[in-house]
Amino acid sequence: MGAWVMDSVGWWYRNADGSYPTNTSMVIDGRTYRFDGRGYMRTGWVLVDGTWYYLHGSGVWVI
């Protein structure tokens, strides 16, 4: 099982094997999150494949 980790930059998710998601969306505990190129959880408006989506302050994909 993976775990959320917070450092001085923000939140990221460490998978059970020690890897972490980058430049992708991932469903964790039934909720979808988006991660940037460094693996940090995104919030606010994000552009994914030409479409804008909103991520709540908690990182959960809203629309």
PDB file of N, CA and C in Angstrom:
ATOM      1  N   MET A   1       0.841  -1.170   0.000  1.00  0.00           N
ATOM      2  CA  MET A   1       0.000   0.000   0.000  1.00  0.00           C
ATOM      3  C   MET A   1       0.892   1.241   0.000  1.00  0.00           C
ATOM      4  N   GLY A   2       0.512   2.245  -0.756  1.00  0.00           N
ATOM      5  CA  GLY A   2       1.268   3.481  -0.828  1.00  0.00           C
ATOM      6  C   GLY A   2       0.952   4.407   0.331  1.00  0.00           C
ATOM      7  N   ALA A   3       1.600   5.561   0.332  1.00  0.00           N
ATOM      8  CA  ALA A   3       1.394   6.526   1.412  1.00  0.00           C
ATOM      9  C   ALA A   3       1.629   7.947   0.911  1.00  0.00           C
ATOM     10  N   TRP A   4       0.835   8.882   1.434  1.00  0.00           N
ATOM     11  CA  TRP A   4       1.042  10.294   1.149  1.00  0.00           C
ATOM     12  C   TRP A   4       2.230  10.801   1.957  1.00  0.00           C
ATOM     13  N   VAL A   5       3.031  11.659   1.321  1.00  0.00           N
ATOM     14  CA  VAL A   5       4.201  12.245   1.971  1.00  0.00           C
ATOM     15  C   VAL A   5       4.164  13.753   1.718  1.00  0.00           C
ATOM     16  N   MET A   6       4.465  14.545   2.745  1.00  0.00           N
ATOM     17  CA  MET A   6       4.538  15.993   2.581  1.00  0.00           C
ATOM     18  C   MET A   6       5.950  16.457   2.905  1.00  0.00           C
ATOM     19  N   ASP A   7       6.487  17.341   2.057  1.00  0.00           N
ATOM     20  CA  ASP A   7       7.780  17.941   2.347  1.00  0.00           C
ATOM     21  C   ASP A   7       7.651  19.452   2.200  1.00  0.00           C
ATOM     22  N   SER A   8       8.750  20.168   2.126  1.00  0.00           N
ATOM     23  CA  SER A   8       8.707  21.632   2.066  1.00  0.00           C
ATOM     24  C   SER A   8       8.085  22.170   0.780  1.00  0.00           C
ATOM     25  N   VAL A   9       7.968  21.339  -0.240  1.00  0.00           N
ATOM     26  CA  VAL A   9       7.396  21.758  -1.519  1.00  0.00           C
ATOM     27  C   VAL A   9       5.904  21.463  -1.589  1.00  0.00           C
ATOM     28  N   GLY A  10       5.479  20.316  -1.100  1.00  0.00           N
ATOM     29  CA  GLY A  10       4.071  19.939  -1.166  1.00  0.00           C
ATOM     30  C   GLY A  10       3.862  18.463  -0.903  1.00  0.00           C
ATOM     31  N   TRP A  11       2.706  17.982  -1.358  1.00  0.00           N
ATOM     32  CA  TRP A  11       2.325  16.581  -1.167  1.00  0.00           C
ATOM     33  C   TRP A  11       2.681  15.743  -2.379  1.00  0.00           C
ATOM     34  N   TRP A  12       3.131  14.531  -2.133  1.00  0.00           N
ATOM     35  CA  TRP A  12       3.347  13.556  -3.199  1.00  0.00           C
ATOM     36  C   TRP A  12       2.958  12.194  -2.669  1.00  0.00           C
ATOM     37  N   TYR A  13       2.813  11.233  -3.571  1.00  0.00           N
ATOM     38  CA  TYR A  13       2.346   9.907  -3.189  1.00  0.00           C
ATOM     39  C   TYR A  13       3.416   8.879  -3.516  1.00  0.00           C
ATOM     40  N   ARG A  14       3.861   8.157  -2.498  1.00  0.00           N
ATOM     41  CA  ARG A  14       4.865   7.112  -2.694  1.00  0.00           C
ATOM     42  C   ARG A  14       4.148   5.775  -2.814  1.00  0.00           C
ATOM     43  N   ASN A  15       4.325   5.109  -3.946  1.00  0.00           N
ATOM     44  CA  ASN A  15       3.742   3.785  -4.148  1.00  0.00           C
ATOM     45  C   ASN A  15       4.433   2.766  -3.243  1.00  0.00           C
ATOM     46  N   ALA A  16       3.815   1.611  -3.084  1.00  0.00           N
ATOM     47  CA  ALA A  16       4.357   0.555  -2.219  1.00  0.00           C
ATOM     48  C   ALA A  16       5.766   0.134  -2.635  1.00  0.00           C
ATOM     49  N   ASP A  17       6.063   0.234  -3.937  1.00  0.00           N
ATOM     50  CA  ASP A  17       7.391  -0.176  -4.418  1.00  0.00           C
ATOM     51  C   ASP A  17       8.432   0.951  -4.337  1.00  0.00           C
ATOM     52  N   GLY A  18       8.036   2.100  -3.772  1.00  0.00           N
ATOM     53  CA  GLY A  18       8.950   3.228  -3.621  1.00  0.00           C
ATOM     54  C   GLY A  18       8.911   4.219  -4.768  1.00  0.00           C
ATOM     55  N   SER A  19       8.249   3.874  -5.864  1.00  0.00           N
ATOM     56  CA  SER A  19       8.125   4.790  -6.996  1.00  0.00           C
ATOM     57  C   SER A  19       7.031   5.816  -6.687  1.00  0.00           C
ATOM     58  N   TYR A  20       6.904   6.807  -7.554  1.00  0.00           N
ATOM     59  CA  TYR A  20       5.843   7.788  -7.379  1.00  0.00           C
ATOM     60  C   TYR A  20       5.352   8.235  -8.751  1.00  0.00           C
ATOM     61  N   PRO A  21       4.055   8.608  -8.849  1.00  0.00           N
ATOM     62  CA  PRO A  21       3.489   9.007 -10.136  1.00  0.00           C
ATOM     63  C   PRO A  21       3.998  10.386 -10.561  1.00  0.00           C
ATOM     64  N   THR A  22       4.287  10.543 -11.849  1.00  0.00           N
ATOM     65  CA  THR A  22       4.682  11.837 -12.403  1.00  0.00           C
ATOM     66  C   THR A  22       3.928  12.074 -13.699  1.00  0.00           C
ATOM     67  N   ASN A  23       3.532  13.335 -13.925  1.00  0.00           N
ATOM     68  CA  ASN A  23       2.819  13.727 -15.149  1.00  0.00           C
ATOM     69  C   ASN A  23       1.661  12.798 -15.468  1.00  0.00           C
ATOM     70  N   THR A  24       0.891  12.456 -14.461  1.00  0.00           N
ATOM     71  CA  THR A  24      -0.210  11.530 -14.670  1.00  0.00           C
ATOM     72  C   THR A  24      -1.303  11.753 -13.642  1.00  0.00           C
ATOM     73  N   SER A  25      -2.431  11.130 -13.892  1.00  0.00           N
ATOM     74  CA  SER A  25      -3.522  11.092 -12.925  1.00  0.00           C
ATOM     75  C   SER A  25      -3.520   9.706 -12.308  1.00  0.00           C
ATOM     76  N   MET A  26      -3.995   9.626 -11.069  1.00  0.00           N
ATOM     77  CA  MET A  26      -4.000   8.343 -10.377  1.00  0.00           C
ATOM     78  C   MET A  26      -5.179   8.295  -9.419  1.00  0.00           C
ATOM     79  N   VAL A  27      -5.870   7.161  -9.402  1.00  0.00           N
ATOM     80  CA  VAL A  27      -6.966   6.963  -8.458  1.00  0.00           C
ATOM     81  C   VAL A  27      -6.382   6.368  -7.181  1.00  0.00           C
ATOM     82  N   ILE A  28      -6.621   7.060  -6.067  1.00  0.00           N
ATOM     83  CA  ILE A  28      -6.143   6.630  -4.754  1.00  0.00           C
ATOM     84  C   ILE A  28      -7.341   6.638  -3.817  1.00  0.00           C
ATOM     85  N   ASP A  29      -7.650   5.506  -3.241  1.00  0.00           N
ATOM     86  CA  ASP A  29      -8.801   5.387  -2.335  1.00  0.00           C
ATOM     87  C   ASP A  29     -10.088   5.900  -2.970  1.00  0.00           C
ATOM     88  N   GLY A  30     -10.270   5.621  -4.267  1.00  0.00           N
ATOM     89  CA  GLY A  30     -11.496   5.986  -4.960  1.00  0.00           C
ATOM     90  C   GLY A  30     -11.573   7.426  -5.427  1.00  0.00           C
ATOM     91  N   ARG A  31     -10.518   8.201  -5.229  1.00  0.00           N
ATOM     92  CA  ARG A  31     -10.495   9.601  -5.656  1.00  0.00           C
ATOM     93  C   ARG A  31      -9.353   9.797  -6.653  1.00  0.00           C
ATOM     94  N   THR A  32      -9.596  10.670  -7.642  1.00  0.00           N
ATOM     95  CA  THR A  32      -8.588  10.904  -8.672  1.00  0.00           C
ATOM     96  C   THR A  32      -7.757  12.134  -8.335  1.00  0.00           C
ATOM     97  N   TYR A  33      -6.447  11.994  -8.473  1.00  0.00           N
ATOM     98  CA  TYR A  33      -5.493  13.070  -8.220  1.00  0.00           C
ATOM     99  C   TYR A  33      -4.622  13.242  -9.457  1.00  0.00           C
ATOM    100  N   ARG A  34      -4.031  14.424  -9.610  1.00  0.00           N
ATOM    101  CA  ARG A  34      -3.118  14.704 -10.716  1.00  0.00           C
ATOM    102  C   ARG A  34      -1.759  15.071 -10.132  1.00  0.00           C
ATOM    103  N   PHE A  35      -0.695  14.568 -10.762  1.00  0.00           N
ATOM    104  CA  PHE A  35       0.663  14.812 -10.286  1.00  0.00           C
ATOM    105  C   PHE A  35       1.494  15.489 -11.369  1.00  0.00           C
ATOM    106  N   ASP A  36       2.355  16.410 -10.947  1.00  0.00           N
ATOM    107  CA  ASP A  36       3.187  17.137 -11.908  1.00  0.00           C
ATOM    108  C   ASP A  36       4.439  16.335 -12.274  1.00  0.00           C
ATOM    109  N   GLY A  37       5.324  16.943 -13.041  1.00  0.00           N
ATOM    110  CA  GLY A  37       6.522  16.261 -13.515  1.00  0.00           C
ATOM    111  C   GLY A  37       7.510  15.872 -12.434  1.00  0.00           C
ATOM    112  N   ARG A  38       7.402  16.510 -11.272  1.00  0.00           N
ATOM    113  CA  ARG A  38       8.276  16.154 -10.151  1.00  0.00           C
ATOM    114  C   ARG A  38       7.577  15.219  -9.172  1.00  0.00           C
ATOM    115  N   GLY A  39       6.310  14.892  -9.458  1.00  0.00           N
ATOM    116  CA  GLY A  39       5.572  13.965  -8.606  1.00  0.00           C
ATOM    117  C   GLY A  39       4.696  14.615  -7.560  1.00  0.00           C
ATOM    118  N   TYR A  40       4.638  15.950  -7.555  1.00  0.00           N
ATOM    119  CA  TYR A  40       3.823  16.627  -6.556  1.00  0.00           C
ATOM    120  C   TYR A  40       2.360  16.714  -6.982  1.00  0.00           C
ATOM    121  N   MET A  41       1.477  16.595  -6.000  1.00  0.00           N
ATOM    122  CA  MET A  41       0.042  16.683  -6.233  1.00  0.00           C
ATOM    123  C   MET A  41      -0.316  18.087  -6.713  1.00  0.00           C
ATOM    124  N   ARG A  42      -1.125  18.157  -7.750  1.00  0.00           N
ATOM    125  CA  ARG A  42      -1.579  19.433  -8.300  1.00  0.00           C
ATOM    126  C   ARG A  42      -2.870  19.862  -7.629  1.00  0.00           C
ATOM    127  N   THR A  43      -3.120  21.173  -7.617  1.00  0.00           N
ATOM    128  CA  THR A  43      -4.388  21.737  -7.175  1.00  0.00           C
ATOM    129  C   THR A  43      -4.756  22.859  -8.129  1.00  0.00           C
ATOM    130  N   GLY A  44      -6.003  23.305  -8.074  1.00  0.00           N
ATOM    131  CA  GLY A  44      -6.454  24.389  -8.940  1.00  0.00           C
ATOM    132  C   GLY A  44      -6.737  23.888 -10.349  1.00  0.00           C
ATOM    133  N   TRP A  45      -6.741  24.815 -11.299  1.00  0.00           N
ATOM    134  CA  TRP A  45      -7.021  24.470 -12.688  1.00  0.00           C
ATOM    135  C   TRP A  45      -5.790  23.867 -13.349  1.00  0.00           C
ATOM    136  N   VAL A  46      -5.994  22.760 -14.063  1.00  0.00           N
ATOM    137  CA  VAL A  46      -4.906  22.117 -14.800  1.00  0.00           C
ATOM    138  C   VAL A  46      -5.379  21.796 -16.211  1.00  0.00           C
ATOM    139  N   LEU A  47      -4.481  21.905 -17.165  1.00  0.00           N
ATOM    140  CA  LEU A  47      -4.768  21.583 -18.559  1.00  0.00           C
ATOM    141  C   LEU A  47      -4.224  20.193 -18.856  1.00  0.00           C
ATOM    142  N   VAL A  48      -5.129  19.280 -19.228  1.00  0.00           N
ATOM    143  CA  VAL A  48      -4.744  17.898 -19.512  1.00  0.00           C
ATOM    144  C   VAL A  48      -5.254  17.537 -20.900  1.00  0.00           C
ATOM    145  N   ASP A  49      -4.349  17.262 -21.811  1.00  0.00           N
ATOM    146  CA  ASP A  49      -4.709  16.875 -23.180  1.00  0.00           C
ATOM    147  C   ASP A  49      -5.701  17.846 -23.813  1.00  0.00           C
ATOM    148  N   GLY A  50      -5.475  19.149 -23.623  1.00  0.00           N
ATOM    149  CA  GLY A  50      -6.299  20.171 -24.251  1.00  0.00           C
ATOM    150  C   GLY A  50      -7.595  20.502 -23.538  1.00  0.00           C
ATOM    151  N   THR A  51      -7.851  19.912 -22.396  1.00  0.00           N
ATOM    152  CA  THR A  51      -9.070  20.172 -21.628  1.00  0.00           C
ATOM    153  C   THR A  51      -8.698  20.644 -20.229  1.00  0.00           C
ATOM    154  N   TRP A  52      -9.415  21.672 -19.743  1.00  0.00           N
ATOM    155  CA  TRP A  52      -9.182  22.189 -18.401  1.00  0.00           C
ATOM    156  C   TRP A  52      -9.991  21.417 -17.377  1.00  0.00           C
ATOM    157  N   TYR A  53      -9.354  21.125 -16.244  1.00  0.00           N
ATOM    158  CA  TYR A  53     -10.002  20.433 -15.125  1.00  0.00           C
ATOM    159  C   TYR A  53      -9.672  21.179 -13.840  1.00  0.00           C
ATOM    160  N   TYR A  54     -10.555  21.040 -12.854  1.00  0.00           N
ATOM    161  CA  TYR A  54     -10.313  21.694 -11.567  1.00  0.00           C
ATOM    162  C   TYR A  54     -10.025  20.662 -10.490  1.00  0.00           C
ATOM    163  N   LEU A  55      -8.963  20.908  -9.738  1.00  0.00           N
ATOM    164  CA  LEU A  55      -8.579  20.042  -8.629  1.00  0.00           C
ATOM    165  C   LEU A  55      -8.751  20.829  -7.336  1.00  0.00           C
ATOM    166  N   HIS A  56      -9.547  20.295  -6.424  1.00  0.00           N
ATOM    167  CA  HIS A  56      -9.815  20.923  -5.128  1.00  0.00           C
ATOM    168  C   HIS A  56      -8.498  21.166  -4.386  1.00  0.00           C
ATOM    169  N   GLY A  57      -8.517  22.003  -3.373  1.00  0.00           N
ATOM    170  CA  GLY A  57      -7.326  22.266  -2.565  1.00  0.00           C
ATOM    171  C   GLY A  57      -6.751  21.012  -1.934  1.00  0.00           C
ATOM    172  N   SER A  58      -7.612  19.999  -1.760  1.00  0.00           N
ATOM    173  CA  SER A  58      -7.158  18.709  -1.227  1.00  0.00           C
ATOM    174  C   SER A  58      -6.517  17.856  -2.312  1.00  0.00           C
ATOM    175  N   GLY A  59      -6.565  18.357  -3.566  1.00  0.00           N
ATOM    176  CA  GLY A  59      -6.002  17.624  -4.689  1.00  0.00           C
ATOM    177  C   GLY A  59      -6.991  16.753  -5.432  1.00  0.00           C
ATOM    178  N   VAL A  60      -8.193  16.573  -4.884  1.00  0.00           N
ATOM    179  CA  VAL A  60      -9.189  15.706  -5.517  1.00  0.00           C
ATOM    180  C   VAL A  60      -9.702  16.346  -6.803  1.00  0.00           C
ATOM    181  N   TRP A  61      -9.755  15.548  -7.856  1.00  0.00           N
ATOM    182  CA  TRP A  61     -10.244  15.960  -9.169  1.00  0.00           C
ATOM    183  C   TRP A  61     -11.733  16.243  -9.050  1.00  0.00           C
ATOM    184  N   VAL A  62     -12.156  17.499  -9.313  1.00  0.00           N
ATOM    185  CA  VAL A  62     -13.561  17.882  -9.183  1.00  0.00           C
ATOM    186  C   VAL A  62     -14.263  17.831 -10.531  1.00  0.00           C
ATOM    187  N   ILE A  63     -13.731  18.560 -11.522  1.00  0.00           N
ATOM    188  CA  ILE A  63     -14.317  18.546 -12.872  1.00  0.00           C
ATOM    189  C   ILE A  63     -13.206  18.552 -13.900  1.00  0.00           C
TER     190      ILE A  63
END
